[in-house]
All heavy atoms as atom14 arrays in JSON, in Angstrom:
{
  "sequence": "RPDDLLACLDEVLRSSAVSVAVARLPALASSSSHRLRHAAMQGGGV",
  "atom14_mask": [
    [1, 1, 1, 1, 1, 1, 1, 1, 1, 1, 1, 0, 0, 0],
    [1, 1, 1, 1, 1, 1, 1, 0, 0, 0, 0, 0, 0, 0],
    [1, 1, 1, 1, 1, 1, 1, 1, 0, 0, 0, 0, 0, 0],
    [1, 1, 1, 1, 1, 1, 1, 1, 0, 0, 0, 0, 0, 0],
    [1, 1, 1, 1, 1, 1, 1, 1, 0, 0, 0, 0, 0, 0],
    [1, 1, 1, 1, 1, 1, 1, 1, 0, 0, 0, 0, 0, 0],
    [1, 1, 1, 1, 1, 0, 0, 0, 0, 0, 0, 0, 0, 0],
    [1, 1, 1, 1, 1, 1, 0, 0, 0, 0, 0, 0, 0, 0],
    [1, 1, 1, 1, 1, 1, 1, 1, 0, 0, 0, 0, 0, 0],
    [1, 1, 1, 1, 1, 1, 1, 1, 0, 0, 0, 0, 0, 0],
    [1, 1, 1, 1, 1, 1, 1, 1, 1, 0, 0, 0, 0, 0],
    [1, 1, 1, 1, 1, 1, 1, 0, 0, 0, 0, 0, 0, 0],
    [1, 1, 1, 1, 1, 1, 1, 1, 0, 0, 0, 0, 0, 0],
    [1, 1, 1, 1, 1, 1, 1, 1, 1, 1, 1, 0, 0, 0],
    [1, 1, 1, 1, 1, 1, 0, 0, 0, 0, 0, 0, 0, 0],
    [1, 1, 1, 1, 1, 1, 0, 0, 0, 0, 0, 0, 0, 0],
    [1, 1, 1, 1, 1, 0, 0, 0, 0, 0, 0, 0, 0, 0],
    [1, 1, 1, 1, 1, 1, 1, 0, 0, 0, 0, 0, 0, 0],
    [1, 1, 1, 1, 1, 1, 0, 0, 0, 0, 0, 0, 0, 0],
    [1, 1, 1, 1, 1, 1, 1, 0, 0, 0, 0, 0, 0, 0],
    [1, 1, 1, 1, 1, 0, 0, 0, 0, 0, 0, 0, 0, 0],
    [1, 1, 1, 1, 1, 1, 1, 0, 0, 0, 0, 0, 0, 0],
    [1, 1, 1, 1, 1, 0, 0, 0, 0, 0, 0, 0, 0, 0],
    [1, 1, 1, 1, 1, 1, 1, 1, 1, 1, 1, 0, 0, 0],
    [1, 1, 1, 1, 1, 1, 1, 1, 0, 0, 0, 0, 0, 0],
    [1, 1, 1, 1, 1, 1, 1, 0, 0, 0, 0, 0, 0, 0],
    [1, 1, 1, 1, 1, 0, 0, 0, 0, 0, 0, 0, 0, 0],
    [1, 1, 1, 1, 1, 1, 1, 1, 0, 0, 0, 0, 0, 0],
    [1, 1, 1, 1, 1, 0, 0, 0, 0, 0, 0, 0, 0, 0],
    [1, 1, 1, 1, 1, 1, 0, 0, 0, 0, 0, 0, 0, 0],
    [1, 1, 1, 1, 1, 1, 0, 0, 0, 0, 0, 0, 0, 0],
    [1, 1, 1, 1, 1, 1, 0, 0, 0, 0, 0, 0, 0, 0],
    [1, 1, 1, 1, 1, 1, 0, 0, 0, 0, 0, 0, 0, 0],
    [1, 1, 1, 1, 1, 1, 1, 1, 1, 1, 0, 0, 0, 0],
    [1, 1, 1, 1, 1, 1, 1, 1, 1, 1, 1, 0, 0, 0],
    [1, 1, 1, 1, 1, 1, 1, 1, 0, 0, 0, 0, 0, 0],
    [1, 1, 1, 1, 1, 1, 1, 1, 1, 1, 1, 0, 0, 0],
    [1, 1, 1, 1, 1, 1, 1, 1, 1, 1, 0, 0, 0, 0],
    [1, 1, 1, 1, 1, 0, 0, 0, 0, 0, 0, 0, 0, 0],
    [1, 1, 1, 1, 1, 0, 0, 0, 0, 0, 0, 0, 0, 0],
    [1, 1, 1, 1, 1, 1, 1, 1, 0, 0, 0, 0, 0, 0],
    [1, 1, 1, 1, 1, 1, 1, 1, 1, 0, 0, 0, 0, 0],
    [1, 1, 1, 1, 0, 0, 0, 0, 0, 0, 0, 0, 0, 0],
    [1, 1, 1, 1, 0, 0, 0, 0, 0, 0, 0, 0, 0, 0],
    [1, 1, 1, 1, 0, 0, 0, 0, 0, 0, 0, 0, 0, 0],
    [1, 1, 1, 1, 1, 1, 1, 0, 0, 0, 0, 0, 0, 0]
  ],
  "atom14_positions": [
    [[110.37, 93.71, 105.33], [110.71, 92.45, 104.66], [111.38, 92.81, 103.34], [111.08, 93.86, 102.74], [109.46, 91.63, 104.41], [108.8, 91.15, 105.67], [107.59, 90.32, 105.33], [106.74, 91.08, 104.4], [105.43, 91.13, 104.44], [104.78, 90.47, 105.35], [104.75, 91.83, 103.57], [0.0, 0.0, 0.0], [0.0, 0.0, 0.0], [0.0, 0.0, 0.0]],
    [[112.28, 91.98, 102.83], [112.96, 92.29, 101.56], [112.01, 92.61, 100.42], [112.29, 93.48, 99.6], [113.8, 91.04, 101.28], [114.09, 90.5, 102.65], [112.84, 90.76, 103.46], [0.0, 0.0, 0.0], [0.0, 0.0, 0.0], [0.0, 0.0, 0.0], [0.0, 0.0, 0.0], [0.0, 0.0, 0.0], [0.0, 0.0, 0.0], [0.0, 0.0, 0.0]],
    [[110.85, 91.94, 100.37], [109.89, 92.2, 99.3], [109.26, 93.58, 99.4], [108.75, 94.11, 98.42], [108.78, 91.15, 99.32], [109.29, 89.76, 98.95], [110.4, 89.66, 98.41], [108.56, 88.79, 99.21], [0.0, 0.0, 0.0], [0.0, 0.0, 0.0], [0.0, 0.0, 0.0], [0.0, 0.0, 0.0], [0.0, 0.0, 0.0], [0.0, 0.0, 0.0]],
    [[109.28, 94.17, 100.58], [108.66, 95.47, 100.81], [109.67, 96.62, 100.84], [109.3, 97.77, 101.08], [107.9, 95.47, 102.14], [106.76, 94.46, 102.14], [106.21, 94.19, 101.06], [106.44, 93.94, 103.23], [0.0, 0.0, 0.0], [0.0, 0.0, 0.0], [0.0, 0.0, 0.0], [0.0, 0.0, 0.0], [0.0, 0.0, 0.0], [0.0, 0.0, 0.0]],
    [[110.92, 96.32, 100.6], [111.98, 97.32, 100.74], [111.77, 98.55, 99.86], [111.82, 99.68, 100.33], [113.34, 96.68, 100.45], [114.55, 97.61, 100.47], [114.72, 98.24, 101.84], [115.8, 96.86, 100.07], [0.0, 0.0, 0.0], [0.0, 0.0, 0.0], [0.0, 0.0, 0.0], [0.0, 0.0, 0.0], [0.0, 0.0, 0.0], [0.0, 0.0, 0.0]],
    [[111.53, 98.35, 98.57], [111.39, 99.5, 97.66], [110.15, 100.33, 97.97], [110.2, 101.56, 97.93], [111.38, 99.05, 96.21], [112.73, 98.63, 95.66], [112.58, 98.11, 94.23], [113.73, 99.76, 95.71], [0.0, 0.0, 0.0], [0.0, 0.0, 0.0], [0.0, 0.0, 0.0], [0.0, 0.0, 0.0], [0.0, 0.0, 0.0], [0.0, 0.0, 0.0]],
    [[109.04, 99.68, 98.31], [107.82, 100.42, 98.65], [108.05, 101.23, 99.92], [107.61, 102.39, 100.01], [106.66, 99.46, 98.82], [0.0, 0.0, 0.0], [0.0, 0.0, 0.0], [0.0, 0.0, 0.0], [0.0, 0.0, 0.0], [0.0, 0.0, 0.0], [0.0, 0.0, 0.0], [0.0, 0.0, 0.0], [0.0, 0.0, 0.0], [0.0, 0.0, 0.0]],
    [[108.73, 100.65, 100.89], [109.02, 101.35, 102.14], [109.92, 102.56, 101.88], [109.66, 103.66, 102.35], [109.7, 100.37, 103.1], [110.18, 101.1, 104.66], [0.0, 0.0, 0.0], [0.0, 0.0, 0.0], [0.0, 0.0, 0.0], [0.0, 0.0, 0.0], [0.0, 0.0, 0.0], [0.0, 0.0, 0.0], [0.0, 0.0, 0.0], [0.0, 0.0, 0.0]],
    [[110.95, 102.36, 101.09], [111.88, 103.44, 100.77], [111.18, 104.55, 99.99], [111.41, 105.74, 100.23], [113.06, 102.89, 100.0], [114.26, 103.78, 99.81], [114.76, 104.35, 101.12], [115.37, 103.01, 99.11], [0.0, 0.0, 0.0], [0.0, 0.0, 0.0], [0.0, 0.0, 0.0], [0.0, 0.0, 0.0], [0.0, 0.0, 0.0], [0.0, 0.0, 0.0]],
    [[110.3, 104.18, 99.09], [109.52, 105.16, 98.33], [108.69, 106.03, 99.27], [108.69, 107.26, 99.14], [108.62, 104.43, 97.33], [107.81, 105.39, 96.48], [108.42, 106.1, 95.65], [106.59, 105.44, 96.67], [0.0, 0.0, 0.0], [0.0, 0.0, 0.0], [0.0, 0.0, 0.0], [0.0, 0.0, 0.0], [0.0, 0.0, 0.0], [0.0, 0.0, 0.0]],
    [[108.0, 105.43, 100.22], [107.18, 106.18, 101.17], [108.03, 107.1, 102.04], [107.66, 108.25, 102.31], [106.37, 105.23, 102.06], [105.26, 104.53, 101.34], [104.17, 105.48, 100.89], [103.82, 106.42, 101.64], [103.65, 105.28, 99.78], [0.0, 0.0, 0.0], [0.0, 0.0, 0.0], [0.0, 0.0, 0.0], [0.0, 0.0, 0.0], [0.0, 0.0, 0.0]],
    [[109.16, 106.6, 102.48], [110.05, 107.4, 103.33], [110.56, 108.62, 102.57], [110.55, 109.74, 103.08], [111.24, 106.54, 103.82], [112.34, 107.39, 104.4], [110.75, 105.52, 104.85], [0.0, 0.0, 0.0], [0.0, 0.0, 0.0], [0.0, 0.0, 0.0], [0.0, 0.0, 0.0], [0.0, 0.0, 0.0], [0.0, 0.0, 0.0], [0.0, 0.0, 0.0]],
    [[111.0, 108.42, 101.33], [111.54, 109.52, 100.55], [110.49, 110.57, 100.19], [110.81, 111.74, 100.03], [112.21, 109.0, 99.28], [113.52, 108.25, 99.5], [113.97, 107.56, 98.22], [114.6, 109.18, 100.03], [0.0, 0.0, 0.0], [0.0, 0.0, 0.0], [0.0, 0.0, 0.0], [0.0, 0.0, 0.0], [0.0, 0.0, 0.0], [0.0, 0.0, 0.0]],
    [[109.24, 110.18, 100.08], [108.16, 111.13, 99.76], [107.78, 112.0, 100.95], [107.12, 113.02, 100.79], [106.93, 110.38, 99.27], [107.08, 109.86, 97.88], [105.82, 109.19, 97.36], [106.13, 108.42, 96.17], [106.33, 108.95, 94.96], [106.23, 110.24, 94.79], [106.62, 108.18, 93.94], [0.0, 0.0, 0.0], [0.0, 0.0, 0.0], [0.0, 0.0, 0.0]],
    [[108.19, 111.62, 102.14], [107.79, 112.36, 103.34], [108.64, 113.62, 103.5], [109.87, 113.57, 103.48], [107.96, 111.48, 104.58], [107.74, 112.24, 105.74], [0.0, 0.0, 0.0], [0.0, 0.0, 0.0], [0.0, 0.0, 0.0], [0.0, 0.0, 0.0], [0.0, 0.0, 0.0], [0.0, 0.0, 0.0], [0.0, 0.0, 0.0], [0.0, 0.0, 0.0]],
    [[107.98, 114.74, 103.73], [108.7, 116.0, 103.96], [109.29, 116.04, 105.37], [110.06, 116.94, 105.68], [107.76, 117.18, 103.74], [106.68, 117.12, 104.65], [0.0, 0.0, 0.0], [0.0, 0.0, 0.0], [0.0, 0.0, 0.0], [0.0, 0.0, 0.0], [0.0, 0.0, 0.0], [0.0, 0.0, 0.0], [0.0, 0.0, 0.0], [0.0, 0.0, 0.0]],
    [[108.96, 115.08, 106.22], [109.51, 115.02, 107.58], [110.89, 114.35, 107.61], [111.56, 114.37, 108.64], [108.56, 114.25, 108.5], [0.0, 0.0, 0.0], [0.0, 0.0, 0.0], [0.0, 0.0, 0.0], [0.0, 0.0, 0.0], [0.0, 0.0, 0.0], [0.0, 0.0, 0.0], [0.0, 0.0, 0.0], [0.0, 0.0, 0.0], [0.0, 0.0, 0.0]],
    [[111.32, 113.79, 106.49], [112.58, 113.05, 106.42], [113.63, 113.9, 105.71], [113.43, 114.34, 104.58], [112.37, 111.7, 105.7], [113.69, 110.99, 105.51], [111.4, 110.83, 106.48], [0.0, 0.0, 0.0], [0.0, 0.0, 0.0], [0.0, 0.0, 0.0], [0.0, 0.0, 0.0], [0.0, 0.0, 0.0], [0.0, 0.0, 0.0], [0.0, 0.0, 0.0]],
    [[114.78, 114.09, 106.37], [115.86, 114.83, 105.73], [116.78, 113.91, 104.94], [117.28, 114.28, 103.88], [116.67, 115.6, 106.77], [117.26, 114.72, 107.7], [0.0, 0.0, 0.0], [0.0, 0.0, 0.0], [0.0, 0.0, 0.0], [0.0, 0.0, 0.0], [0.0, 0.0, 0.0], [0.0, 0.0, 0.0], [0.0, 0.0, 0.0], [0.0, 0.0, 0.0]],
    [[117.0, 112.7, 105.46], [117.86, 111.75, 104.76], [117.36, 110.33, 105.04], [116.94, 110.02, 106.14], [119.34, 111.91, 105.18], [119.54, 111.61, 106.65], [120.25, 111.04, 104.32], [0.0, 0.0, 0.0], [0.0, 0.0, 0.0], [0.0, 0.0, 0.0], [0.0, 0.0, 0.0], [0.0, 0.0, 0.0], [0.0, 0.0, 0.0], [0.0, 0.0, 0.0]],
    [[117.41, 109.52, 104.0], [117.08, 108.1, 104.11], [118.29, 107.32, 103.6], [118.81, 107.61, 102.52], [115.84, 107.75, 103.31], [0.0, 0.0, 0.0], [0.0, 0.0, 0.0], [0.0, 0.0, 0.0], [0.0, 0.0, 0.0], [0.0, 0.0, 0.0], [0.0, 0.0, 0.0], [0.0, 0.0, 0.0], [0.0, 0.0, 0.0], [0.0, 0.0, 0.0]],
    [[118.73, 106.36, 104.38], [119.88, 105.54, 104.02], [119.42, 104.1, 103.92], [118.74, 103.6, 104.82], [121.01, 105.66, 105.08], [122.19, 104.79, 104.72], [121.42, 107.12, 105.24], [0.0, 0.0, 0.0], [0.0, 0.0, 0.0], [0.0, 0.0, 0.0], [0.0, 0.0, 0.0], [0.0, 0.0, 0.0], [0.0, 0.0, 0.0], [0.0, 0.0, 0.0]],
    [[119.81, 103.42, 102.83], [119.41, 102.03, 102.65], [120.48, 101.27, 101.88], [121.13, 101.83, 100.99], [118.08, 101.95, 101.9], [0.0, 0.0, 0.0], [0.0, 0.0, 0.0], [0.0, 0.0, 0.0], [0.0, 0.0, 0.0], [0.0, 0.0, 0.0], [0.0, 0.0, 0.0], [0.0, 0.0, 0.0], [0.0, 0.0, 0.0], [0.0, 0.0, 0.0]],
    [[120.63, 100.01, 102.24], [121.49, 99.11, 101.46], [120.6, 98.33, 100.52], [119.63, 97.69, 100.94], [122.21, 98.12, 102.38], [123.22, 98.77, 103.27], [123.86, 97.75, 104.17], [122.8, 97.12, 104.99], [122.99, 96.07, 105.75], [124.15, 95.51, 105.82], [121.99, 95.57, 106.47], [0.0, 0.0, 0.0], [0.0, 0.0, 0.0], [0.0, 0.0, 0.0]],
    [[120.91, 98.39, 99.24], [120.12, 97.68, 98.24], [121.03, 96.7, 97.51], [122.13, 97.07, 97.09], [119.51, 98.66, 97.24], [118.56, 99.72, 97.8], [118.15, 100.68, 96.71], [117.35, 99.06, 98.42], [0.0, 0.0, 0.0], [0.0, 0.0, 0.0], [0.0, 0.0, 0.0], [0.0, 0.0, 0.0], [0.0, 0.0, 0.0], [0.0, 0.0, 0.0]],
    [[120.56, 95.47, 97.31], [121.4, 94.5, 96.59], [121.57, 94.88, 95.12], [122.63, 94.72, 94.55], [120.64, 93.18, 96.74], [119.25, 93.57, 97.1], [119.31, 94.91, 97.76], [0.0, 0.0, 0.0], [0.0, 0.0, 0.0], [0.0, 0.0, 0.0], [0.0, 0.0, 0.0], [0.0, 0.0, 0.0], [0.0, 0.0, 0.0], [0.0, 0.0, 0.0]],
    [[120.53, 95.4, 94.52], [120.56, 95.85, 93.12], [119.38, 96.79, 92.93], [118.41, 96.76, 93.69], [120.44, 94.66, 92.18], [0.0, 0.0, 0.0], [0.0, 0.0, 0.0], [0.0, 0.0, 0.0], [0.0, 0.0, 0.0], [0.0, 0.0, 0.0], [0.0, 0.0, 0.0], [0.0, 0.0, 0.0], [0.0, 0.0, 0.0], [0.0, 0.0, 0.0]],
    [[119.47, 97.63, 91.93], [118.41, 98.6, 91.69], [118.18, 98.75, 90.19], [119.08, 99.19, 89.47], [118.78, 99.95, 92.32], [117.72, 101.02, 92.34], [116.51, 100.57, 93.14], [118.28, 102.3, 92.93], [0.0, 0.0, 0.0], [0.0, 0.0, 0.0], [0.0, 0.0, 0.0], [0.0, 0.0, 0.0], [0.0, 0.0, 0.0], [0.0, 0.0, 0.0]],
    [[116.99, 98.37, 89.75], [116.63, 98.52, 88.34], [116.49, 100.0, 88.01], [116.17, 100.82, 88.88], [115.32, 97.79, 88.06], [0.0, 0.0, 0.0], [0.0, 0.0, 0.0], [0.0, 0.0, 0.0], [0.0, 0.0, 0.0], [0.0, 0.0, 0.0], [0.0, 0.0, 0.0], [0.0, 0.0, 0.0], [0.0, 0.0, 0.0], [0.0, 0.0, 0.0]],
    [[116.7, 100.35, 86.77], [116.63, 101.76, 86.38], [115.23, 102.33, 86.61], [115.09, 103.5, 86.98], [117.05, 101.95, 84.93], [116.21, 101.23, 84.07], [0.0, 0.0, 0.0], [0.0, 0.0, 0.0], [0.0, 0.0, 0.0], [0.0, 0.0, 0.0], [0.0, 0.0, 0.0], [0.0, 0.0, 0.0], [0.0, 0.0, 0.0], [0.0, 0.0, 0.0]],
    [[114.18, 101.53, 86.43], [112.83, 102.03, 86.67], [112.62, 102.34, 88.15], [111.98, 103.33, 88.51], [111.79, 101.02, 86.19], [111.94, 99.79, 86.87], [0.0, 0.0, 0.0], [0.0, 0.0, 0.0], [0.0, 0.0, 0.0], [0.0, 0.0, 0.0], [0.0, 0.0, 0.0], [0.0, 0.0, 0.0], [0.0, 0.0, 0.0], [0.0, 0.0, 0.0]],
    [[113.18, 101.52, 89.02], [113.08, 101.76, 90.47], [113.9, 102.99, 90.86], [113.49, 103.78, 91.7], [113.56, 100.54, 91.25], [112.73, 99.44, 91.01], [0.0, 0.0, 0.0], [0.0, 0.0, 0.0], [0.0, 0.0, 0.0], [0.0, 0.0, 0.0], [0.0, 0.0, 0.0], [0.0, 0.0, 0.0], [0.0, 0.0, 0.0], [0.0, 0.0, 0.0]],
    [[115.06, 103.14, 90.24], [115.9, 104.3, 90.51], [115.16, 105.59, 90.15], [115.19, 106.57, 90.89], [117.19, 104.19, 89.71], [117.95, 105.36, 89.8], [0.0, 0.0, 0.0], [0.0, 0.0, 0.0], [0.0, 0.0, 0.0], [0.0, 0.0, 0.0], [0.0, 0.0, 0.0], [0.0, 0.0, 0.0], [0.0, 0.0, 0.0], [0.0, 0.0, 0.0]],
    [[114.5, 105.57, 89.03], [113.73, 106.74, 88.57], [112.6, 107.05, 89.56], [112.39, 108.2, 89.94], [113.17, 106.44, 87.17], [112.41, 107.56, 86.58], [113.0, 108.7, 86.08], [111.07, 107.72, 86.41], [112.07, 109.51, 85.63], [110.88, 108.94, 85.81], [0.0, 0.0, 0.0], [0.0, 0.0, 0.0], [0.0, 0.0, 0.0], [0.0, 0.0, 0.0]],
    [[111.9, 106.02, 89.99], [110.8, 106.18, 90.95], [111.31, 106.76, 92.27], [110.7, 107.67, 92.84], [110.15, 104.81, 91.18], [109.12, 104.76, 92.24], [108.58, 103.35, 92.34], [108.04, 103.09, 93.66], [107.73, 101.91, 94.1], [107.93, 100.85, 93.36], [107.23, 101.76, 95.3], [0.0, 0.0, 0.0], [0.0, 0.0, 0.0], [0.0, 0.0, 0.0]],
    [[112.43, 106.27, 92.77], [112.97, 106.76, 94.04], [113.49, 108.18, 93.91], [113.38, 108.98, 94.85], [114.05, 105.82, 94.56], [113.57, 104.41, 94.94], [114.76, 103.55, 95.36], [112.52, 104.46, 96.04], [0.0, 0.0, 0.0], [0.0, 0.0, 0.0], [0.0, 0.0, 0.0], [0.0, 0.0, 0.0], [0.0, 0.0, 0.0], [0.0, 0.0, 0.0]],
    [[114.06, 108.51, 92.76], [114.54, 109.89, 92.54], [113.37, 110.87, 92.59], [113.45, 111.92, 93.23], [115.26, 109.99, 91.2], [115.8, 111.38, 90.92], [116.75, 111.42, 89.75], [116.35, 110.63, 88.62], [115.62, 111.08, 87.59], [115.22, 112.33, 87.57], [115.32, 110.29, 86.58], [0.0, 0.0, 0.0], [0.0, 0.0, 0.0], [0.0, 0.0, 0.0]],
    [[112.26, 110.51, 91.97], [111.08, 111.37, 92.01], [110.49, 111.47, 93.41], [110.02, 112.53, 93.82], [110.03, 110.9, 91.01], [110.33, 111.34, 89.62], [110.11, 112.63, 89.19], [110.87, 110.69, 88.57], [110.48, 112.76, 87.94], [110.95, 111.58, 87.53], [0.0, 0.0, 0.0], [0.0, 0.0, 0.0], [0.0, 0.0, 0.0], [0.0, 0.0, 0.0]],
    [[110.54, 110.37, 94.15], [110.05, 110.4, 95.53], [110.89, 111.36, 96.37], [110.35, 112.15, 97.15], [110.08, 108.99, 96.13], [0.0, 0.0, 0.0], [0.0, 0.0, 0.0], [0.0, 0.0, 0.0], [0.0, 0.0, 0.0], [0.0, 0.0, 0.0], [0.0, 0.0, 0.0], [0.0, 0.0, 0.0], [0.0, 0.0, 0.0], [0.0, 0.0, 0.0]],
    [[112.21, 111.32, 96.2], [113.09, 112.22, 96.95], [112.86, 113.68, 96.57], [112.87, 114.57, 97.42], [114.55, 111.83, 96.74], [0.0, 0.0, 0.0], [0.0, 0.0, 0.0], [0.0, 0.0, 0.0], [0.0, 0.0, 0.0], [0.0, 0.0, 0.0], [0.0, 0.0, 0.0], [0.0, 0.0, 0.0], [0.0, 0.0, 0.0], [0.0, 0.0, 0.0]],
    [[112.61, 113.91, 95.29], [112.33, 115.28, 94.86], [111.04, 115.78, 95.47], [110.94, 116.94, 95.89], [112.27, 115.34, 93.33], [113.61, 115.19, 92.67], [113.55, 115.01, 90.87], [112.61, 116.42, 90.38], [0.0, 0.0, 0.0], [0.0, 0.0, 0.0], [0.0, 0.0, 0.0], [0.0, 0.0, 0.0], [0.0, 0.0, 0.0], [0.0, 0.0, 0.0]],
    [[110.05, 114.92, 95.57], [108.76, 115.31, 96.15], [108.9, 115.6, 97.65], [108.34, 116.57, 98.15], [107.73, 114.2, 95.94], [106.36, 114.56, 96.48], [105.35, 113.45, 96.24], [105.65, 112.43, 95.64], [104.15, 113.66, 96.73], [0.0, 0.0, 0.0], [0.0, 0.0, 0.0], [0.0, 0.0, 0.0], [0.0, 0.0, 0.0], [0.0, 0.0, 0.0]],
    [[109.64, 114.76, 98.36], [109.79, 114.94, 99.81], [110.8, 116.01, 100.19], [110.74, 116.56, 101.28], [0.0, 0.0, 0.0], [0.0, 0.0, 0.0], [0.0, 0.0, 0.0], [0.0, 0.0, 0.0], [0.0, 0.0, 0.0], [0.0, 0.0, 0.0], [0.0, 0.0, 0.0], [0.0, 0.0, 0.0], [0.0, 0.0, 0.0], [0.0, 0.0, 0.0]],
    [[111.76, 116.27, 99.31], [112.76, 117.29, 99.6], [113.95, 116.79, 100.39], [114.81, 117.56, 100.77], [0.0, 0.0, 0.0], [0.0, 0.0, 0.0], [0.0, 0.0, 0.0], [0.0, 0.0, 0.0], [0.0, 0.0, 0.0], [0.0, 0.0, 0.0], [0.0, 0.0, 0.0], [0.0, 0.0, 0.0], [0.0, 0.0, 0.0], [0.0, 0.0, 0.0]],
    [[114.01, 115.48, 100.63], [115.14, 114.92, 101.38], [116.18, 114.33, 100.44], [116.12, 114.51, 99.22], [0.0, 0.0, 0.0], [0.0, 0.0, 0.0], [0.0, 0.0, 0.0], [0.0, 0.0, 0.0], [0.0, 0.0, 0.0], [0.0, 0.0, 0.0], [0.0, 0.0, 0.0], [0.0, 0.0, 0.0], [0.0, 0.0, 0.0], [0.0, 0.0, 0.0]],
    [[117.11, 113.61, 101.02], [118.19, 112.98, 100.29], [118.11, 111.47, 100.51], [117.9, 111.03, 101.63], [119.56, 113.51, 100.77], [120.71, 112.77, 100.11], [119.67, 115.0, 100.53], [0.0, 0.0, 0.0], [0.0, 0.0, 0.0], [0.0, 0.0, 0.0], [0.0, 0.0, 0.0], [0.0, 0.0, 0.0], [0.0, 0.0, 0.0], [0.0, 0.0, 0.0]]
  ]
}
């Protein structure tokens, strides 16, 4: 659901089983961008 999009993307990016996650986002606040960047660094994907 649109309300769950960022939480879902955060979980996906934190997973080491994921090499790449692709998502369309209408807008992204800088705090959310920071959170997702750290999630990707933790999971090792893109």
